[in-house]
Structure formats: structure tokens, C-alpha cells
Amino acid sequence: MITTTTTTTRKQLEVVRDDQTPQKWCVLLREDVFRRFMAQGSTNPTVQKVFGGASFFCPLLFGKFFDPSDAFPLWEFESDILLSGLRSSGQTCIDWFQTDQDYVLKVELPGEGKNNVQVYAENGKVVEIGGQWKQQQGGESNSLKSTKDWRSGNWWEHGYVRRLELPQDADSRRIEASLTNDLLLELKVHKINKPLDSNDNAKDKDPMKNGKQWGCSSDGRALA
């Protein structure tokens, strides 16, 4: 009788808090550009897996086009509502929720083999999850890599990202990220212990604030 065992590996990821990359995410991903990119990459299984409809990094994940490099107020919405279509068809391994102590996100990452995902905390207001699906190789590419970060240009041609707006009562100094089997990412953001003023909290949680209404980017650009 042969007995097989499954080994589970879990590692803690560093949450980078001092990212000095200039002009990071300065190029916005438009819907027409994304659809053209996906059409050109229709025969590339990696592109389809990274940006396909069931991926956490797909701009169409929430039913309407939304540039994933623009911060999205994820925890203001219920996952069962935004992902109802994918949930009913069993096509997604994404979940987010909150407890009395934490905001939690669990997501299956794209790619195969060792995952190079990175987690950043930005100015105490945004947490971003990203990595490269296409590694730069060769002398010329390495030279460009040293002078220009892939996130400063047409980032979708090299990597993926999902930037999330943190709730007001999230403690950006206490963010934990772990990776299981180089595939399953769990992000935990602790809540601030002290109670918040209810009026201010309601005001800041308004999804219409700062042009962040559903269907618009941070600069007010319509996301049809």
C-alpha cells in the first residue's frame, strides 16, 4: 500500500512601506487598450490566466471595467454581491470580509511555480498587491530595468496589480501577508482599537467621495 502525503508550505511576506518608485502606475489602463491587449494575447495562456475574468487582477472582475491600478474600496462591498456571477458558476477563488479585529482578503494568485507577488502599503491609505507575469531578460532589457521600473510604463505588458483603498479604521502599520503553496495569498489588515467618531466614519466610507464613485477612476474618468 502506497501512502501519499501533501505538504503545505506557508510563508510570511514582507509588506513594503517605503516604495520610492517614481511615477508608479502613472499610465492608466483604458478599456479599449485592455481589450486589444487581450485579443493580441488570446493564444498566450499566461495572459489569459493573469487577466481572465475569474482572476483577482482582471479589470472586469466586478462586472464593470475598473483599472486595477486605481485604488478600489473593496471592503465597502460584499464579496457575495460583486462576485455573484462567478460564485454561481464556481469560477473564482476570491473572498474578502471583516471581523471585529481585522479586514481579511483571500485570493488565488495567477501563474505557476514560484510566485513573485509583492505587497505594498502606501501612505497609510492604500495597499497594493502585484507581481510580474513576464520577466525581463537579455542585456538590453536588464539595462532598461535598472533605469525604469515596469510599473512606470505600460505595466500590464509585464505584470499585474490590484490596489485597494483601506477603510478609515484600518491600521496600516499592522498589515500581515502570507502565501500558501506559492498560490494562495491571505492579507490581514488589523483594525484600529480606539472607537471612531460615527459621523466622520460614515462620511469617509461614502463610496462617492473624491470621485471614487462606482464606475469612475480617481481622476473622474468614466469607466464604461
Protein backbone atom coordinates (compact mmCIF):
# COMPACT_ATOMS: atom_id res chain seq x y z
CA MET A 1 0.00 0.00 0.00
CA ILE A 2 1.41 3.36 -1.04
CA THR A 3 0.57 6.37 1.08
CA THR A 4 0.93 9.83 -0.38
CA THR A 5 1.19 12.95 1.71
CA THR A 6 0.56 16.53 0.71
CA THR A 7 2.99 19.09 2.07
CA THR A 8 1.66 22.57 2.75
CA THR A 9 4.16 25.40 2.74
CA ARG A 10 3.24 28.74 4.23
CA LYS A 11 5.49 31.77 4.33
CA GLN A 12 5.12 35.30 5.57
CA LEU A 13 5.58 38.06 3.01
CA GLU A 14 7.24 41.37 3.74
CA VAL A 15 4.90 44.33 3.46
CA VAL A 16 6.98 47.07 1.83
CA ARG A 17 6.27 50.50 3.31
CA ASP A 18 8.87 52.72 1.68
CA ASP A 19 8.50 52.34 -2.07
CA GLN A 20 10.30 55.19 -3.83
CA THR A 21 9.46 54.13 -7.39
CA PRO A 22 8.93 57.35 -9.38
CA GLN A 23 5.72 57.75 -11.39
CA LYS A 24 4.45 54.33 -10.38
CA TRP A 25 1.10 53.46 -12.05
CA CYS A 26 1.15 56.77 -13.94
CA VAL A 27 -0.16 55.07 -17.10
CA LEU A 28 -3.87 54.32 -16.74
CA LEU A 29 -5.25 51.19 -18.35
CA ARG A 30 -8.20 52.06 -20.61
CA GLU A 31 -10.86 49.55 -21.56
CA ASP A 32 -10.13 49.72 -25.30
CA VAL A 33 -6.42 49.17 -24.62
CA PHE A 34 -7.17 46.22 -22.37
CA ARG A 35 -9.48 44.53 -24.86
CA ARG A 36 -6.91 44.96 -27.63
CA PHE A 37 -4.19 43.57 -25.36
CA MET A 38 -6.31 40.51 -24.51
CA ALA A 39 -7.12 39.90 -28.17
CA GLN A 40 -3.44 40.01 -29.10
CA GLY A 41 -2.65 37.63 -26.22
CA SER A 42 -5.51 35.23 -26.94
CA THR A 43 -3.05 32.40 -27.63
CA ASN A 44 -0.94 33.13 -24.54
CA PRO A 45 -2.26 31.02 -21.64
CA THR A 46 -0.37 33.12 -19.08
CA VAL A 47 -2.04 36.34 -20.22
CA GLN A 48 -5.45 34.68 -20.09
CA LYS A 49 -4.82 33.31 -16.61
CA VAL A 50 -3.49 36.58 -15.20
CA PHE A 51 -6.15 38.86 -16.69
CA GLY A 52 -9.05 36.48 -17.37
CA GLY A 53 -12.49 37.13 -15.90
CA ALA A 54 -12.01 34.95 -12.80
CA SER A 55 -8.66 36.49 -11.85
CA PHE A 56 -8.39 38.96 -8.98
CA PHE A 57 -6.37 41.18 -11.32
CA CYS A 58 -8.91 41.30 -14.16
CA PRO A 59 -10.26 44.84 -14.78
CA LEU A 60 -13.69 43.31 -15.46
CA LEU A 61 -13.80 41.26 -12.25
CA PHE A 62 -16.52 43.37 -10.64
CA GLY A 63 -18.83 43.42 -13.64
CA LYS A 64 -17.76 46.83 -14.95
CA PHE A 65 -14.38 47.91 -16.24
CA PHE A 66 -12.18 49.27 -13.45
CA ASP A 67 -8.45 49.93 -13.85
CA PRO A 68 -6.86 47.73 -11.16
CA SER A 69 -4.03 50.25 -10.73
CA ASP A 70 -6.62 52.69 -9.37
CA ALA A 71 -7.41 52.10 -5.69
CA PHE A 72 -10.74 50.33 -5.16
CA PRO A 73 -12.69 50.46 -1.83
CA LEU A 74 -13.03 46.67 -1.69
CA TRP A 75 -14.25 46.31 1.88
CA GLU A 76 -17.16 48.66 1.29
CA PHE A 77 -18.78 45.92 -0.78
CA GLU A 78 -19.86 42.36 -0.04
CA SER A 79 -17.98 39.71 -1.99
CA ASP A 80 -21.18 37.69 -2.49
CA ILE A 81 -22.70 40.66 -4.31
CA LEU A 82 -19.79 41.78 -6.50
CA LEU A 83 -18.79 38.22 -7.39
CA SER A 84 -22.27 36.70 -7.57
CA GLY A 85 -21.92 35.65 -11.20
CA LEU A 86 -18.55 33.98 -10.73
CA ARG A 87 -19.59 32.41 -7.44
CA SER A 88 -22.66 30.79 -9.00
CA SER A 89 -20.51 29.22 -11.71
CA GLY A 90 -17.74 28.22 -9.30
CA GLN A 91 -15.10 30.09 -11.30
CA THR A 92 -13.41 32.13 -8.61
CA CYS A 93 -11.27 31.57 -5.54
CA ILE A 94 -11.54 35.08 -4.11
CA ASP A 95 -13.05 36.18 -0.83
CA TRP A 96 -12.90 39.20 1.44
CA PHE A 97 -14.64 40.00 4.70
CA GLN A 98 -14.16 41.70 8.04
CA THR A 99 -14.23 40.57 11.65
CA ASP A 100 -14.29 42.63 14.82
CA GLN A 101 -10.49 42.75 14.71
CA ASP A 102 -9.43 42.58 11.05
CA TYR A 103 -10.12 43.13 7.37
CA VAL A 104 -9.26 39.93 5.50
CA LEU A 105 -8.65 39.11 1.85
CA LYS A 106 -8.03 35.62 0.45
CA VAL A 107 -7.17 35.17 -3.21
CA GLU A 108 -5.69 32.59 -5.53
CA LEU A 109 -2.81 34.13 -7.46
CA PRO A 110 -2.17 33.65 -11.19
CA GLY A 111 0.85 31.90 -12.60
CA GLU A 112 2.55 28.58 -12.00
CA GLY A 113 5.54 27.68 -9.89
CA LYS A 114 7.22 30.15 -7.57
CA ASN A 115 5.16 33.31 -7.23
CA ASN A 116 6.90 36.69 -7.13
CA VAL A 117 3.96 38.58 -5.64
CA GLN A 118 4.74 41.66 -3.55
CA VAL A 119 2.61 43.64 -1.10
CA TYR A 120 2.98 47.37 -0.52
CA ALA A 121 1.40 49.76 1.97
CA GLU A 122 1.14 53.25 0.54
CA ASN A 123 0.79 56.36 2.72
CA GLY A 124 -1.42 54.54 5.18
CA LYS A 125 -4.31 54.71 2.73
CA VAL A 126 -3.75 52.06 0.07
CA VAL A 127 -2.47 48.51 -0.01
CA GLU A 128 -1.37 47.06 -3.32
CA ILE A 129 -0.73 43.52 -4.49
CA GLY A 130 1.31 42.98 -7.62
CA GLY A 131 3.92 40.96 -9.42
CA GLN A 132 5.43 40.24 -12.81
CA TRP A 133 3.98 37.71 -15.22
CA LYS A 134 6.62 38.43 -17.87
CA GLN A 135 10.20 38.53 -16.68
CA GLN A 136 12.58 40.93 -18.39
CA GLN A 137 15.52 39.10 -19.94
CA GLY A 138 18.53 39.89 -22.06
CA GLY A 139 21.15 42.61 -21.89
CA GLU A 140 19.01 45.44 -23.24
CA SER A 141 16.06 44.56 -21.02
CA ASN A 142 18.29 44.37 -17.96
CA SER A 143 19.69 47.78 -18.81
CA LEU A 144 16.19 49.23 -19.09
CA LYS A 145 15.17 47.51 -15.88
CA SER A 146 17.88 49.34 -13.97
CA THR A 147 16.66 52.74 -15.14
CA LYS A 148 12.92 52.27 -15.47
CA ASP A 149 10.61 50.18 -13.32
CA TRP A 150 7.99 48.15 -15.20
CA ARG A 151 5.27 49.81 -13.12
CA SER A 152 6.08 53.23 -14.60
CA GLY A 153 5.00 52.39 -18.15
CA ASN A 154 2.51 50.02 -19.76
CA TRP A 155 2.61 47.84 -16.66
CA TRP A 156 0.07 45.24 -17.94
CA GLU A 157 2.58 44.18 -20.58
CA HIS A 158 4.91 42.99 -17.81
CA GLY A 159 2.95 42.49 -14.60
CA TYR A 160 -0.31 42.72 -12.71
CA VAL A 161 -1.64 44.74 -9.79
CA ARG A 162 -4.69 45.31 -7.64
CA ARG A 163 -4.65 48.42 -5.46
CA LEU A 164 -7.12 48.57 -2.57
CA GLU A 165 -8.31 51.58 -0.62
CA LEU A 166 -8.04 50.95 3.12
CA PRO A 167 -11.05 51.69 5.36
CA GLN A 168 -10.70 54.57 7.81
CA ASP A 169 -10.38 52.29 10.83
CA ALA A 170 -7.69 50.09 9.22
CA ASP A 171 -4.30 50.16 10.91
CA SER A 172 -1.86 50.42 8.00
CA ARG A 173 1.04 49.73 10.37
CA ARG A 174 -0.33 46.28 11.13
CA ILE A 175 -0.74 44.54 7.80
CA GLU A 176 0.13 40.86 7.53
CA ALA A 177 0.51 38.91 4.30
CA SER A 178 1.17 35.20 3.87
CA LEU A 179 1.45 32.86 0.91
CA THR A 180 0.46 29.18 0.99
CA ASN A 181 1.99 26.82 -1.58
CA ASP A 182 3.04 29.84 -3.68
CA LEU A 183 -0.59 30.11 -4.73
CA LEU A 184 -2.99 31.27 -2.03
CA LEU A 185 -2.47 34.78 -0.67
CA GLU A 186 -4.01 35.87 2.60
CA LEU A 187 -3.95 39.54 3.54
CA LYS A 188 -4.95 40.64 7.02
CA VAL A 189 -5.27 44.31 7.99
CA HIS A 190 -5.83 44.91 11.68
CA LYS A 191 -8.38 47.46 12.80
CA ILE A 192 -7.57 50.44 15.00
CA ASN A 193 -8.61 49.64 18.55
CA LYS A 194 -9.96 53.02 19.57
CA PRO A 195 -13.57 53.84 18.56
CA LEU A 196 -14.06 56.26 15.68
CA ASP A 197 -16.45 59.16 15.52
CA SER A 198 -19.55 57.73 13.85
CA ASN A 199 -20.22 60.84 11.71
CA ASP A 200 -16.67 61.00 10.37
CA ASN A 201 -16.67 57.27 9.75
CA ALA A 202 -19.87 57.41 7.73
CA LYS A 203 -18.56 60.37 5.76
CA ASP A 204 -15.26 58.75 4.87
CA LYS A 205 -16.87 55.46 3.91
CA ASP A 206 -19.07 57.14 1.32
CA PRO A 207 -18.05 55.46 -1.98
CA MET A 208 -18.96 58.69 -3.81
CA LYS A 209 -16.17 60.68 -2.12
CA ASN A 210 -13.20 62.04 -4.08
CA GLY A 211 -14.67 60.99 -7.40
CA LYS A 212 -14.45 57.35 -6.36
CA GLN A 213 -17.98 56.60 -7.31
CA TRP A 214 -18.69 53.20 -8.79
CA GLY A 215 -17.76 53.24 -12.44
CA CYS A 216 -15.20 56.07 -12.18
CA SER A 217 -11.47 56.27 -11.57
CA SER A 218 -9.80 58.60 -9.09
CA ASP A 219 -9.50 61.29 -11.74
CA GLY A 220 -13.21 61.16 -12.53
CA ARG A 221 -12.70 59.24 -15.76
CA ALA A 222 -15.77 57.25 -16.66
CA LEU A 223 -15.25 53.50 -16.71
CA ALA A 224 -18.00 52.37 -19.06
